[in-house]
mmCIF file of all heavy atoms, coordinates in Angstrom:
data_MODEL
# 
_entry.id   MODEL 
# 
loop_
_atom_site.group_PDB 
_atom_site.id 
_atom_site.type_symbol 
_atom_site.label_atom_id 
_atom_site.label_alt_id 
_atom_site.label_comp_id 
_atom_site.label_asym_id 
_atom_site.label_entity_id 
_atom_site.label_seq_id 
_atom_site.pdbx_PDB_ins_code 
_atom_site.Cartn_x 
_atom_site.Cartn_y 
_atom_site.Cartn_z 
_atom_site.occupancy 
_atom_site.B_iso_or_equiv 
_atom_site.pdbx_formal_charge 
_atom_site.auth_seq_id 
_atom_site.auth_comp_id 
_atom_site.auth_asym_id 
_atom_site.auth_atom_id 
_atom_site.pdbx_PDB_model_num 
ATOM 1   N N   . GLY A 1 1  ? 99.021  114.592 119.682 1.00 0.00 ? 1  GLY A N   1 
ATOM 2   C CA  . GLY A 1 1  ? 98.516  113.491 118.795 1.00 0.00 ? 1  GLY A CA  1 
ATOM 3   C C   . GLY A 1 1  ? 99.557  113.137 117.827 1.00 0.00 ? 1  GLY A C   1 
ATOM 4   O O   . GLY A 1 1  ? 100.654 113.682 117.704 1.00 0.00 ? 1  GLY A O   1 
ATOM 5   N N   . GLU A 1 2  ? 99.251  112.015 117.143 1.00 0.00 ? 2  GLU A N   1 
ATOM 6   C CA  . GLU A 1 2  ? 100.175 111.426 116.095 1.00 0.00 ? 2  GLU A CA  1 
ATOM 7   C C   . GLU A 1 2  ? 100.146 112.287 114.838 1.00 0.00 ? 2  GLU A C   1 
ATOM 8   O O   . GLU A 1 2  ? 99.051  112.798 114.472 1.00 0.00 ? 2  GLU A O   1 
ATOM 9   C CB  . GLU A 1 2  ? 99.854  110.042 115.846 1.00 0.00 ? 2  GLU A CB  1 
ATOM 10  C CG  . GLU A 1 2  ? 100.050 109.057 116.999 1.00 0.00 ? 2  GLU A CG  1 
ATOM 11  C CD  . GLU A 1 2  ? 99.608  107.603 116.717 1.00 0.00 ? 2  GLU A CD  1 
ATOM 12  O OE1 . GLU A 1 2  ? 99.084  107.330 115.659 1.00 0.00 ? 2  GLU A OE1 1 
ATOM 13  O OE2 . GLU A 1 2  ? 99.824  106.740 117.575 1.00 0.00 ? 2  GLU A OE2 1 
ATOM 14  N N   . TYR A 1 3  ? 101.213 112.384 114.178 1.00 0.00 ? 3  TYR A N   1 
ATOM 15  C CA  . TYR A 1 3  ? 101.297 113.032 112.928 1.00 0.00 ? 3  TYR A CA  1 
ATOM 16  C C   . TYR A 1 3  ? 102.418 112.596 112.099 1.00 0.00 ? 3  TYR A C   1 
ATOM 17  O O   . TYR A 1 3  ? 103.406 112.048 112.563 1.00 0.00 ? 3  TYR A O   1 
ATOM 18  C CB  . TYR A 1 3  ? 101.251 114.589 113.071 1.00 0.00 ? 3  TYR A CB  1 
ATOM 19  C CG  . TYR A 1 3  ? 102.539 115.151 113.659 1.00 0.00 ? 3  TYR A CG  1 
ATOM 20  C CD1 . TYR A 1 3  ? 103.651 115.398 112.837 1.00 0.00 ? 3  TYR A CD1 1 
ATOM 21  C CD2 . TYR A 1 3  ? 102.585 115.487 114.992 1.00 0.00 ? 3  TYR A CD2 1 
ATOM 22  C CE1 . TYR A 1 3  ? 104.883 115.954 113.384 1.00 0.00 ? 3  TYR A CE1 1 
ATOM 23  C CE2 . TYR A 1 3  ? 103.803 116.117 115.507 1.00 0.00 ? 3  TYR A CE2 1 
ATOM 24  C CZ  . TYR A 1 3  ? 104.813 116.292 114.730 1.00 0.00 ? 3  TYR A CZ  1 
ATOM 25  O OH  . TYR A 1 3  ? 106.019 116.767 115.244 1.00 0.00 ? 3  TYR A OH  1 
ATOM 26  N N   . LEU A 1 4  ? 102.285 112.901 110.840 1.00 0.00 ? 4  LEU A N   1 
ATOM 27  C CA  . LEU A 1 4  ? 103.381 112.595 109.782 1.00 0.00 ? 4  LEU A CA  1 
ATOM 28  C C   . LEU A 1 4  ? 103.652 113.815 108.913 1.00 0.00 ? 4  LEU A C   1 
ATOM 29  O O   . LEU A 1 4  ? 102.590 114.487 108.603 1.00 0.00 ? 4  LEU A O   1 
ATOM 30  C CB  . LEU A 1 4  ? 102.921 111.461 108.882 1.00 0.00 ? 4  LEU A CB  1 
ATOM 31  C CG  . LEU A 1 4  ? 103.800 110.917 107.719 1.00 0.00 ? 4  LEU A CG  1 
ATOM 32  C CD1 . LEU A 1 4  ? 104.976 110.188 108.279 1.00 0.00 ? 4  LEU A CD1 1 
ATOM 33  C CD2 . LEU A 1 4  ? 103.033 109.971 106.844 1.00 0.00 ? 4  LEU A CD2 1 
ATOM 34  N N   . GLU A 1 5  ? 104.864 114.167 108.661 1.00 0.00 ? 5  GLU A N   1 
ATOM 35  C CA  . GLU A 1 5  ? 105.112 115.320 107.891 1.00 0.00 ? 5  GLU A CA  1 
ATOM 36  C C   . GLU A 1 5  ? 105.826 114.995 106.594 1.00 0.00 ? 5  GLU A C   1 
ATOM 37  O O   . GLU A 1 5  ? 106.725 114.168 106.554 1.00 0.00 ? 5  GLU A O   1 
ATOM 38  C CB  . GLU A 1 5  ? 106.031 116.251 108.699 1.00 0.00 ? 5  GLU A CB  1 
ATOM 39  C CG  . GLU A 1 5  ? 106.438 117.568 107.968 1.00 0.00 ? 5  GLU A CG  1 
ATOM 40  C CD  . GLU A 1 5  ? 107.426 118.361 108.785 1.00 0.00 ? 5  GLU A CD  1 
ATOM 41  O OE1 . GLU A 1 5  ? 108.706 118.034 108.515 1.00 0.00 ? 5  GLU A OE1 1 
ATOM 42  O OE2 . GLU A 1 5  ? 107.142 119.219 109.500 1.00 0.00 ? 5  GLU A OE2 1 
ATOM 43  N N   . LEU A 1 6  ? 105.341 115.601 105.569 1.00 0.00 ? 6  LEU A N   1 
ATOM 44  C CA  . LEU A 1 6  ? 105.959 115.456 104.150 1.00 0.00 ? 6  LEU A CA  1 
ATOM 45  C C   . LEU A 1 6  ? 106.600 116.779 103.814 1.00 0.00 ? 6  LEU A C   1 
ATOM 46  O O   . LEU A 1 6  ? 106.077 117.893 104.133 1.00 0.00 ? 6  LEU A O   1 
ATOM 47  C CB  . LEU A 1 6  ? 104.917 115.096 103.098 1.00 0.00 ? 6  LEU A CB  1 
ATOM 48  C CG  . LEU A 1 6  ? 104.055 113.882 103.393 1.00 0.00 ? 6  LEU A CG  1 
ATOM 49  C CD1 . LEU A 1 6  ? 103.056 113.634 102.195 1.00 0.00 ? 6  LEU A CD1 1 
ATOM 50  C CD2 . LEU A 1 6  ? 104.865 112.644 103.504 1.00 0.00 ? 6  LEU A CD2 1 
ATOM 51  N N   . TYR A 1 7  ? 107.774 116.691 103.132 1.00 0.00 ? 7  TYR A N   1 
ATOM 52  C CA  . TYR A 1 7  ? 108.445 117.916 102.778 1.00 0.00 ? 7  TYR A CA  1 
ATOM 53  C C   . TYR A 1 7  ? 108.709 117.926 101.257 1.00 0.00 ? 7  TYR A C   1 
ATOM 54  O O   . TYR A 1 7  ? 109.100 116.904 100.624 1.00 0.00 ? 7  TYR A O   1 
ATOM 55  C CB  . TYR A 1 7  ? 109.806 118.022 103.513 1.00 0.00 ? 7  TYR A CB  1 
ATOM 56  C CG  . TYR A 1 7  ? 110.646 119.194 103.025 1.00 0.00 ? 7  TYR A CG  1 
ATOM 57  C CD1 . TYR A 1 7  ? 110.414 120.418 103.481 1.00 0.00 ? 7  TYR A CD1 1 
ATOM 58  C CD2 . TYR A 1 7  ? 111.825 118.933 102.306 1.00 0.00 ? 7  TYR A CD2 1 
ATOM 59  C CE1 . TYR A 1 7  ? 111.182 121.560 103.077 1.00 0.00 ? 7  TYR A CE1 1 
ATOM 60  C CE2 . TYR A 1 7  ? 112.629 119.954 101.914 1.00 0.00 ? 7  TYR A CE2 1 
ATOM 61  C CZ  . TYR A 1 7  ? 112.239 121.299 102.340 1.00 0.00 ? 7  TYR A CZ  1 
ATOM 62  O OH  . TYR A 1 7  ? 113.038 122.408 101.858 1.00 0.00 ? 7  TYR A OH  1 
ATOM 63  N N   . ASN A 1 8  ? 108.520 119.056 100.567 1.00 0.00 ? 8  ASN A N   1 
ATOM 64  C CA  . ASN A 1 8  ? 108.783 119.224 99.144  1.00 0.00 ? 8  ASN A CA  1 
ATOM 65  C C   . ASN A 1 8  ? 110.094 119.916 98.966  1.00 0.00 ? 8  ASN A C   1 
ATOM 66  O O   . ASN A 1 8  ? 110.117 121.121 99.146  1.00 0.00 ? 8  ASN A O   1 
ATOM 67  C CB  . ASN A 1 8  ? 107.614 120.026 98.603  1.00 0.00 ? 8  ASN A CB  1 
ATOM 68  C CG  . ASN A 1 8  ? 107.818 120.145 97.042  1.00 0.00 ? 8  ASN A CG  1 
ATOM 69  O OD1 . ASN A 1 8  ? 108.791 119.694 96.441  1.00 0.00 ? 8  ASN A OD1 1 
ATOM 70  N ND2 . ASN A 1 8  ? 106.929 121.017 96.406  1.00 0.00 ? 8  ASN A ND2 1 
ATOM 71  N N   . SER A 1 9  ? 111.059 119.204 98.594  1.00 0.00 ? 9  SER A N   1 
ATOM 72  C CA  . SER A 1 9  ? 112.438 119.761 98.505  1.00 0.00 ? 9  SER A CA  1 
ATOM 73  C C   . SER A 1 9  ? 112.679 120.243 97.067  1.00 0.00 ? 9  SER A C   1 
ATOM 74  O O   . SER A 1 9  ? 113.716 120.828 96.667  1.00 0.00 ? 9  SER A O   1 
ATOM 75  C CB  . SER A 1 9  ? 113.546 118.653 98.727  1.00 0.00 ? 9  SER A CB  1 
ATOM 76  O OG  . SER A 1 9  ? 113.408 117.598 97.781  1.00 0.00 ? 9  SER A OG  1 
ATOM 77  N N   . GLY A 1 10 ? 111.623 120.163 96.226  1.00 0.00 ? 10 GLY A N   1 
ATOM 78  C CA  . GLY A 1 10 ? 111.831 120.660 94.790  1.00 0.00 ? 10 GLY A CA  1 
ATOM 79  C C   . GLY A 1 10 ? 111.553 122.087 94.612  1.00 0.00 ? 10 GLY A C   1 
ATOM 80  O O   . GLY A 1 10 ? 111.241 122.868 95.583  1.00 0.00 ? 10 GLY A O   1 
ATOM 81  N N   . SER A 1 11 ? 111.431 122.509 93.354  1.00 0.00 ? 11 SER A N   1 
ATOM 82  C CA  . SER A 1 11 ? 111.141 123.978 93.095  1.00 0.00 ? 11 SER A CA  1 
ATOM 83  C C   . SER A 1 11 ? 109.739 124.153 92.487  1.00 0.00 ? 11 SER A C   1 
ATOM 84  O O   . SER A 1 11 ? 109.364 125.310 92.072  1.00 0.00 ? 11 SER A O   1 
ATOM 85  C CB  . SER A 1 11 ? 112.209 124.473 92.071  1.00 0.00 ? 11 SER A CB  1 
ATOM 86  O OG  . SER A 1 11 ? 112.197 123.622 90.880  1.00 0.00 ? 11 SER A OG  1 
ATOM 87  N N   . ASN A 1 12 ? 108.960 123.122 92.426  1.00 0.00 ? 12 ASN A N   1 
ATOM 88  C CA  . ASN A 1 12 ? 107.604 123.292 91.883  1.00 0.00 ? 12 ASN A CA  1 
ATOM 89  C C   . ASN A 1 12 ? 106.571 122.756 92.905  1.00 0.00 ? 12 ASN A C   1 
ATOM 90  O O   . ASN A 1 12 ? 106.797 121.919 93.718  1.00 0.00 ? 12 ASN A O   1 
ATOM 91  C CB  . ASN A 1 12 ? 107.432 122.431 90.580  1.00 0.00 ? 12 ASN A CB  1 
ATOM 92  C CG  . ASN A 1 12 ? 108.331 122.931 89.556  1.00 0.00 ? 12 ASN A CG  1 
ATOM 93  O OD1 . ASN A 1 12 ? 108.338 124.121 89.194  1.00 0.00 ? 12 ASN A OD1 1 
ATOM 94  N ND2 . ASN A 1 12 ? 109.082 122.032 88.937  1.00 0.00 ? 12 ASN A ND2 1 
ATOM 95  N N   . THR A 1 13 ? 105.336 123.399 92.920  1.00 0.00 ? 13 THR A N   1 
ATOM 96  C CA  . THR A 1 13 ? 104.275 122.920 93.691  1.00 0.00 ? 13 THR A CA  1 
ATOM 97  C C   . THR A 1 13 ? 103.801 121.567 93.253  1.00 0.00 ? 13 THR A C   1 
ATOM 98  O O   . THR A 1 13 ? 103.774 121.368 92.085  1.00 0.00 ? 13 THR A O   1 
ATOM 99  C CB  . THR A 1 13 ? 103.092 123.936 93.689  1.00 0.00 ? 13 THR A CB  1 
ATOM 100 O OG1 . THR A 1 13 ? 103.545 125.178 94.170  1.00 0.00 ? 13 THR A OG1 1 
ATOM 101 C CG2 . THR A 1 13 ? 101.873 123.484 94.474  1.00 0.00 ? 13 THR A CG2 1 
ATOM 102 N N   . VAL A 1 14 ? 103.570 120.669 94.223  1.00 0.00 ? 14 VAL A N   1 
ATOM 103 C CA  . VAL A 1 14 ? 103.091 119.316 93.876  1.00 0.00 ? 14 VAL A CA  1 
ATOM 104 C C   . VAL A 1 14 ? 101.631 119.168 94.293  1.00 0.00 ? 14 VAL A C   1 
ATOM 105 O O   . VAL A 1 14 ? 101.299 119.472 95.454  1.00 0.00 ? 14 VAL A O   1 
ATOM 106 C CB  . VAL A 1 14 ? 103.958 118.298 94.614  1.00 0.00 ? 14 VAL A CB  1 
ATOM 107 C CG1 . VAL A 1 14 ? 103.437 116.914 94.188  1.00 0.00 ? 14 VAL A CG1 1 
ATOM 108 C CG2 . VAL A 1 14 ? 105.442 118.386 94.104  1.00 0.00 ? 14 VAL A CG2 1 
ATOM 109 N N   . ASP A 1 15 ? 100.764 118.575 93.445  1.00 0.00 ? 15 ASP A N   1 
ATOM 110 C CA  . ASP A 1 15 ? 99.350  118.397 93.730  1.00 0.00 ? 15 ASP A CA  1 
ATOM 111 C C   . ASP A 1 15 ? 99.342  116.951 94.324  1.00 0.00 ? 15 ASP A C   1 
ATOM 112 O O   . ASP A 1 15 ? 99.571  115.987 93.628  1.00 0.00 ? 15 ASP A O   1 
ATOM 113 C CB  . ASP A 1 15 ? 98.543  118.446 92.458  1.00 0.00 ? 15 ASP A CB  1 
ATOM 114 C CG  . ASP A 1 15 ? 96.998  118.320 92.731  1.00 0.00 ? 15 ASP A CG  1 
ATOM 115 O OD1 . ASP A 1 15 ? 96.640  117.970 93.936  1.00 0.00 ? 15 ASP A OD1 1 
ATOM 116 O OD2 . ASP A 1 15 ? 96.270  118.488 91.712  1.00 0.00 ? 15 ASP A OD2 1 
ATOM 117 N N   . LEU A 1 16 ? 98.968  116.833 95.613  1.00 0.00 ? 16 LEU A N   1 
ATOM 118 C CA  . LEU A 1 16 ? 98.922  115.475 96.256  1.00 0.00 ? 16 LEU A CA  1 
ATOM 119 C C   . LEU A 1 16 ? 97.478  114.984 96.415  1.00 0.00 ? 16 LEU A C   1 
ATOM 120 O O   . LEU A 1 16 ? 97.234  114.087 97.130  1.00 0.00 ? 16 LEU A O   1 
ATOM 121 C CB  . LEU A 1 16 ? 99.471  115.678 97.744  1.00 0.00 ? 16 LEU A CB  1 
ATOM 122 C CG  . LEU A 1 16 ? 100.944 115.630 97.891  1.00 0.00 ? 16 LEU A CG  1 
ATOM 123 C CD1 . LEU A 1 16 ? 101.641 116.716 97.222  1.00 0.00 ? 16 LEU A CD1 1 
ATOM 124 C CD2 . LEU A 1 16 ? 101.301 115.511 99.312  1.00 0.00 ? 16 LEU A CD2 1 
ATOM 125 N N   . SER A 1 17 ? 96.548  115.586 95.618  1.00 0.00 ? 17 SER A N   1 
ATOM 126 C CA  . SER A 1 17 ? 95.207  115.089 95.636  1.00 0.00 ? 17 SER A CA  1 
ATOM 127 C C   . SER A 1 17 ? 95.090  113.597 95.399  1.00 0.00 ? 17 SER A C   1 
ATOM 128 O O   . SER A 1 17 ? 95.586  113.156 94.329  1.00 0.00 ? 17 SER A O   1 
ATOM 129 C CB  . SER A 1 17 ? 94.249  115.848 94.568  1.00 0.00 ? 17 SER A CB  1 
ATOM 130 O OG  . SER A 1 17 ? 94.323  117.250 94.805  1.00 0.00 ? 17 SER A OG  1 
ATOM 131 N N   . TRP A 1 18 ? 94.440  112.959 96.250  1.00 0.00 ? 18 TRP A N   1 
ATOM 132 C CA  . TRP A 1 18 ? 94.174  111.443 96.093  1.00 0.00 ? 18 TRP A CA  1 
ATOM 133 C C   . TRP A 1 18 ? 95.416  110.577 96.196  1.00 0.00 ? 18 TRP A C   1 
ATOM 134 O O   . TRP A 1 18 ? 95.349  109.424 95.883  1.00 0.00 ? 18 TRP A O   1 
ATOM 135 C CB  . TRP A 1 18 ? 93.383  111.186 94.889  1.00 0.00 ? 18 TRP A CB  1 
ATOM 136 C CG  . TRP A 1 18 ? 92.133  111.887 94.801  1.00 0.00 ? 18 TRP A CG  1 
ATOM 137 C CD1 . TRP A 1 18 ? 91.745  112.852 93.869  1.00 0.00 ? 18 TRP A CD1 1 
ATOM 138 C CD2 . TRP A 1 18 ? 90.974  111.882 95.685  1.00 0.00 ? 18 TRP A CD2 1 
ATOM 139 N NE1 . TRP A 1 18 ? 90.581  113.395 94.137  1.00 0.00 ? 18 TRP A NE1 1 
ATOM 140 C CE2 . TRP A 1 18 ? 90.043  112.821 95.244  1.00 0.00 ? 18 TRP A CE2 1 
ATOM 141 C CE3 . TRP A 1 18 ? 90.714  111.141 96.906  1.00 0.00 ? 18 TRP A CE3 1 
ATOM 142 C CZ2 . TRP A 1 18 ? 88.847  113.077 95.938  1.00 0.00 ? 18 TRP A CZ2 1 
ATOM 143 C CZ3 . TRP A 1 18 ? 89.627  111.506 97.565  1.00 0.00 ? 18 TRP A CZ3 1 
ATOM 144 C CH2 . TRP A 1 18 ? 88.605  112.349 97.023  1.00 0.00 ? 18 TRP A CH2 1 
ATOM 145 N N   . TRP A 1 19 ? 96.582  111.190 96.621  1.00 0.00 ? 19 TRP A N   1 
ATOM 146 C CA  . TRP A 1 19 ? 97.694  110.340 96.803  1.00 0.00 ? 19 TRP A CA  1 
ATOM 147 C C   . TRP A 1 19 ? 97.388  109.334 97.976  1.00 0.00 ? 19 TRP A C   1 
ATOM 148 O O   . TRP A 1 19 ? 96.628  109.602 98.853  1.00 0.00 ? 19 TRP A O   1 
ATOM 149 C CB  . TRP A 1 19 ? 98.941  111.204 97.258  1.00 0.00 ? 19 TRP A CB  1 
ATOM 150 C CG  . TRP A 1 19 ? 99.619  111.780 96.100  1.00 0.00 ? 19 TRP A CG  1 
ATOM 151 C CD1 . TRP A 1 19 ? 99.060  112.228 94.824  1.00 0.00 ? 19 TRP A CD1 1 
ATOM 152 C CD2 . TRP A 1 19 ? 101.052 112.205 96.043  1.00 0.00 ? 19 TRP A CD2 1 
ATOM 153 N NE1 . TRP A 1 19 ? 99.968  112.818 93.989  1.00 0.00 ? 19 TRP A NE1 1 
ATOM 154 C CE2 . TRP A 1 19 ? 101.089 112.804 94.647  1.00 0.00 ? 19 TRP A CE2 1 
ATOM 155 C CE3 . TRP A 1 19 ? 102.115 112.033 96.829  1.00 0.00 ? 19 TRP A CE3 1 
ATOM 156 C CZ2 . TRP A 1 19 ? 102.346 113.196 94.229  1.00 0.00 ? 19 TRP A CZ2 1 
ATOM 157 C CZ3 . TRP A 1 19 ? 103.343 112.523 96.396  1.00 0.00 ? 19 TRP A CZ3 1 
ATOM 158 C CH2 . TRP A 1 19 ? 103.529 113.042 95.171  1.00 0.00 ? 19 TRP A CH2 1 
ATOM 159 N N   . LEU A 1 20 ? 98.036  108.222 97.883  1.00 0.00 ? 20 LEU A N   1 
ATOM 160 C CA  . LEU A 1 20 ? 97.763  107.055 98.818  1.00 0.00 ? 20 LEU A CA  1 
ATOM 161 C C   . LEU A 1 20 ? 98.879  107.027 99.931  1.00 0.00 ? 20 LEU A C   1 
ATOM 162 O O   . LEU A 1 20 ? 100.075 106.925 99.504  1.00 0.00 ? 20 LEU A O   1 
ATOM 163 C CB  . LEU A 1 20 ? 97.741  105.748 98.143  1.00 0.00 ? 20 LEU A CB  1 
ATOM 164 C CG  . LEU A 1 20 ? 97.516  104.520 98.973  1.00 0.00 ? 20 LEU A CG  1 
ATOM 165 C CD1 . LEU A 1 20 ? 96.000  104.547 99.538  1.00 0.00 ? 20 LEU A CD1 1 
ATOM 166 C CD2 . LEU A 1 20 ? 97.714  103.214 98.113  1.00 0.00 ? 20 LEU A CD2 1 
ATOM 167 N N   . LEU A 1 21 ? 98.417  106.974 101.103 1.00 0.00 ? 21 LEU A N   1 
ATOM 168 C CA  . LEU A 1 21 ? 99.403  106.878 102.231 1.00 0.00 ? 21 LEU A CA  1 
ATOM 169 C C   . LEU A 1 21 ? 99.123  105.459 102.870 1.00 0.00 ? 21 LEU A C   1 
ATOM 170 O O   . LEU A 1 21 ? 97.957  105.171 103.153 1.00 0.00 ? 21 LEU A O   1 
ATOM 171 C CB  . LEU A 1 21 ? 99.115  107.876 103.340 1.00 0.00 ? 21 LEU A CB  1 
ATOM 172 C CG  . LEU A 1 21 ? 99.739  107.669 104.721 1.00 0.00 ? 21 LEU A CG  1 
ATOM 173 C CD1 . LEU A 1 21 ? 101.286 107.624 104.657 1.00 0.00 ? 21 LEU A CD1 1 
ATOM 174 C CD2 . LEU A 1 21 ? 99.347  108.772 105.710 1.00 0.00 ? 21 LEU A CD2 1 
ATOM 175 N N   . LYS A 1 22 ? 100.174 104.654 103.049 1.00 0.00 ? 22 LYS A N   1 
ATOM 176 C CA  . LYS A 1 22 ? 100.005 103.349 103.586 1.00 0.00 ? 22 LYS A CA  1 
ATOM 177 C C   . LYS A 1 22 ? 100.891 103.284 104.829 1.00 0.00 ? 22 LYS A C   1 
ATOM 178 O O   . LYS A 1 22 ? 102.157 103.653 104.800 1.00 0.00 ? 22 LYS A O   1 
ATOM 179 C CB  . LYS A 1 22 ? 100.383 102.196 102.610 1.00 0.00 ? 22 LYS A CB  1 
ATOM 180 C CG  . LYS A 1 22 ? 99.459  102.097 101.398 1.00 0.00 ? 22 LYS A CG  1 
ATOM 181 C CD  . LYS A 1 22 ? 99.882  100.897 100.524 1.00 0.00 ? 22 LYS A CD  1 
ATOM 182 C CE  . LYS A 1 22 ? 99.596  99.630  101.274 1.00 0.00 ? 22 LYS A CE  1 
ATOM 183 N NZ  . LYS A 1 22 ? 99.961  98.416  100.327 1.00 0.00 ? 22 LYS A NZ  1 
ATOM 184 N N   . VAL A 1 23 ? 100.309 102.824 105.883 1.00 0.00 ? 23 VAL A N   1 
ATOM 185 C CA  . VAL A 1 23 ? 101.070 102.641 107.145 1.00 0.00 ? 23 VAL A CA  1 
ATOM 186 C C   . VAL A 1 23 ? 100.856 101.172 107.593 1.00 0.00 ? 23 VAL A C   1 
ATOM 187 O O   . VAL A 1 23 ? 99.713  100.893 108.095 1.00 0.00 ? 23 VAL A O   1 
ATOM 188 C CB  . VAL A 1 23 ? 100.639 103.591 108.255 1.00 0.00 ? 23 VAL A CB  1 
ATOM 189 C CG1 . VAL A 1 23 ? 101.472 103.342 109.537 1.00 0.00 ? 23 VAL A CG1 1 
ATOM 190 C CG2 . VAL A 1 23 ? 100.838 105.033 107.811 1.00 0.00 ? 23 VAL A CG2 1 
ATOM 191 N N   . GLY A 1 24 ? 101.777 100.324 107.360 1.00 0.00 ? 24 GLY A N   1 
ATOM 192 C CA  . GLY A 1 24 ? 101.620 98.850  107.682 1.00 0.00 ? 24 GLY A CA  1 
ATOM 193 C C   . GLY A 1 24 ? 100.501 98.359  106.726 1.00 0.00 ? 24 GLY A C   1 
ATOM 194 O O   . GLY A 1 24 ? 100.508 98.502  105.527 1.00 0.00 ? 24 GLY A O   1 
# 
């Protein structure tokens, strides 16, 4: 199936709750 990967290159945990993903 299709998928998208995000990577956290920083030193702190990031809360992605309710972040918006737009594809086209």
